[in-house]
C-alpha atoms as a PDB file:
ATOM      1  CA  MET A   1     -12.505   0.412 -10.755  1.00  0.00           C
ATOM      2  CA  LEU A   2     -10.458  -1.027  -7.912  1.00  0.00           C
ATOM      3  CA  THR A   3     -12.403  -2.965  -5.360  1.00  0.00           C
ATOM      4  CA  GLU A   4     -11.860  -5.711  -2.824  1.00  0.00           C
ATOM      5  CA  GLU A   5     -13.274  -8.101  -5.432  1.00  0.00           C
ATOM      6  CA  ASN A   6     -10.250  -7.346  -7.615  1.00  0.00           C
ATOM      7  CA  PRO A   7      -7.185  -7.809  -5.386  1.00  0.00           C
ATOM      8  CA  LEU A   8      -4.912  -8.155  -8.441  1.00  0.00           C
ATOM      9  CA  ALA A   9      -5.523  -4.574  -9.509  1.00  0.00           C
ATOM     10  CA  SER A  10      -2.937  -1.925  -8.798  1.00  0.00           C
ATOM     11  CA  MET A  11      -3.511   0.462  -5.906  1.00  0.00           C
ATOM     12  CA  PRO A  12      -4.459   4.135  -6.314  1.00  0.00           C
ATOM     13  CA  PRO A  13      -2.637   6.735  -4.175  1.00  0.00           C
ATOM     14  CA  ASP A  14      -5.573   7.271  -1.804  1.00  0.00           C
ATOM     15  CA  GLU A  15      -5.812   3.557  -1.049  1.00  0.00           C
ATOM     16  CA  LEU A  16      -2.055   3.456  -0.442  1.00  0.00           C
ATOM     17  CA  LYS A  17      -2.351   6.371   2.009  1.00  0.00           C
ATOM     18  CA  ASN A  18      -5.231   4.652   3.804  1.00  0.00           C
ATOM     19  CA  SER A  19      -3.282   1.385   3.978  1.00  0.00           C
ATOM     20  CA  MET A  20      -0.272   3.175   5.442  1.00  0.00           C
ATOM     21  CA  THR A  21      -2.471   4.710   8.131  1.00  0.00           C
ATOM     22  CA  LYS A  22      -4.240   1.448   8.961  1.00  0.00           C
ATOM     23  CA  LEU A  23      -0.909  -0.370   9.226  1.00  0.00           C
ATOM     24  CA  GLY A  24       0.632   2.335  11.427  1.00  0.00           C
ATOM     25  CA  TYR A  25       3.247   3.662   9.001  1.00  0.00           C
ATOM     26  CA  LYS A  26       3.592   7.399   9.550  1.00  0.00           C
ATOM     27  CA  THR A  27       6.272   8.131   6.968  1.00  0.00           C
ATOM     28  CA  GLN A  28       7.196   7.048   3.490  1.00  0.00           C
ATOM     29  CA  ALA A  29      10.529   5.852   4.865  1.00  0.00           C
ATOM     30  CA  GLU A  30       8.832   3.556   7.404  1.00  0.00           C
ATOM     31  CA  LEU A  31       6.692   1.910   4.731  1.00  0.00           C
ATOM     32  CA  ALA A  32       9.626   1.644   2.341  1.00  0.00           C
ATOM     33  CA  ALA A  33      11.786  -0.081   4.960  1.00  0.00           C
ATOM     34  CA  ALA A  34       8.984  -2.477   5.888  1.00  0.00           C
ATOM     35  CA  ILE A  35       8.357  -3.665   2.313  1.00  0.00           C
ATOM     36  CA  GLY A  36      11.908  -3.449   0.990  1.00  0.00           C
ATOM     37  CA  VAL A  37      11.679  -0.601  -1.503  1.00  0.00           C
ATOM     38  CA  SER A  38      13.163   2.887  -1.674  1.00  0.00           C
ATOM     39  CA  ARG A  39      11.488   5.868  -0.098  1.00  0.00           C
ATOM     40  CA  SER A  40      11.469   7.531  -3.505  1.00  0.00           C
ATOM     41  CA  ALA A  41       9.433   4.628  -4.917  1.00  0.00           C
ATOM     42  CA  VAL A  42       6.806   5.139  -2.207  1.00  0.00           C
ATOM     43  CA  SER A  43       6.826   8.871  -2.958  1.00  0.00           C
ATOM     44  CA  LEU A  44       6.191   8.242  -6.654  1.00  0.00           C
ATOM     45  CA  TRP A  45       3.313   5.891  -5.804  1.00  0.00           C
ATOM     46  CA  LEU A  46       1.729   8.402  -3.424  1.00  0.00           C
ATOM     47  CA  GLU A  47       1.995  11.158  -6.032  1.00  0.00           C
ATOM     48  CA  GLY A  48       0.384   8.896  -8.633  1.00  0.00           C
ATOM     49  CA  LYS A  49       3.367   9.283 -10.957  1.00  0.00           C
ATOM     50  CA  VAL A  50       4.048   5.538 -10.963  1.00  0.00           C
ATOM     51  CA  GLY A  51       1.588   2.769 -10.245  1.00  0.00           C
ATOM     52  CA  VAL A  52       2.033   0.581  -7.194  1.00  0.00           C
ATOM     53  CA  PRO A  53       3.300  -2.801  -8.450  1.00  0.00           C
ATOM     54  CA  ARG A  54       0.595  -5.437  -8.179  1.00  0.00           C
ATOM     55  CA  PRO A  55       2.565  -7.692  -5.801  1.00  0.00           C
ATOM     56  CA  ILE A  56       3.041  -4.740  -3.418  1.00  0.00           C
ATOM     57  CA  ALA A  57      -0.641  -3.817  -3.682  1.00  0.00           C
ATOM     58  CA  MET A  58      -1.610  -7.414  -2.929  1.00  0.00           C
ATOM     59  CA  LEU A  59       0.761  -7.554   0.049  1.00  0.00           C
ATOM     60  CA  LEU A  60      -0.588  -4.351   1.562  1.00  0.00           C
ATOM     61  CA  ARG A  61      -4.197  -5.430   1.060  1.00  0.00           C
ATOM     62  CA  MET A  62      -3.482  -8.765   2.740  1.00  0.00           C
ATOM     63  CA  LEU A  63      -1.790  -7.033   5.683  1.00  0.00           C
ATOM     64  CA  VAL A  64      -4.732  -4.666   6.132  1.00  0.00           C
ATOM     65  CA  ALA A  65      -7.206  -7.568   5.923  1.00  0.00           C
ATOM     66  CA  ALA A  66      -5.196  -9.606   8.433  1.00  0.00           C
ATOM     67  CA  GLN A  67      -5.076  -6.679  10.833  1.00  0.00           C
ATOM     68  CA  ARG A  68      -8.867  -6.256  10.636  1.00  0.00           C
ATOM     69  CA  ARG A  69      -9.362  -9.917  11.533  1.00  0.00           C
ATOM     70  CA  ALA A  70      -7.058  -9.628  14.530  1.00  0.00           C
ATOM     71  CA  TYR A  71      -9.518  -7.377  16.356  1.00  0.00           C
END
């Protein structure tokens, strides 16, 4: 199971959606542009057809954690 204790694990689609919301990305294109991937890659991740690469999952988790600390 994916938890905060295991930041190296890939990211399930629901966690990706939640991360997008928390970081203020409203569209797949916005997230894709921000992290340097194609919109179609983000689409595949959100559909669960392809796993989110671990470095991307780690990056998004760090950004969400940093945003929580800012408040």
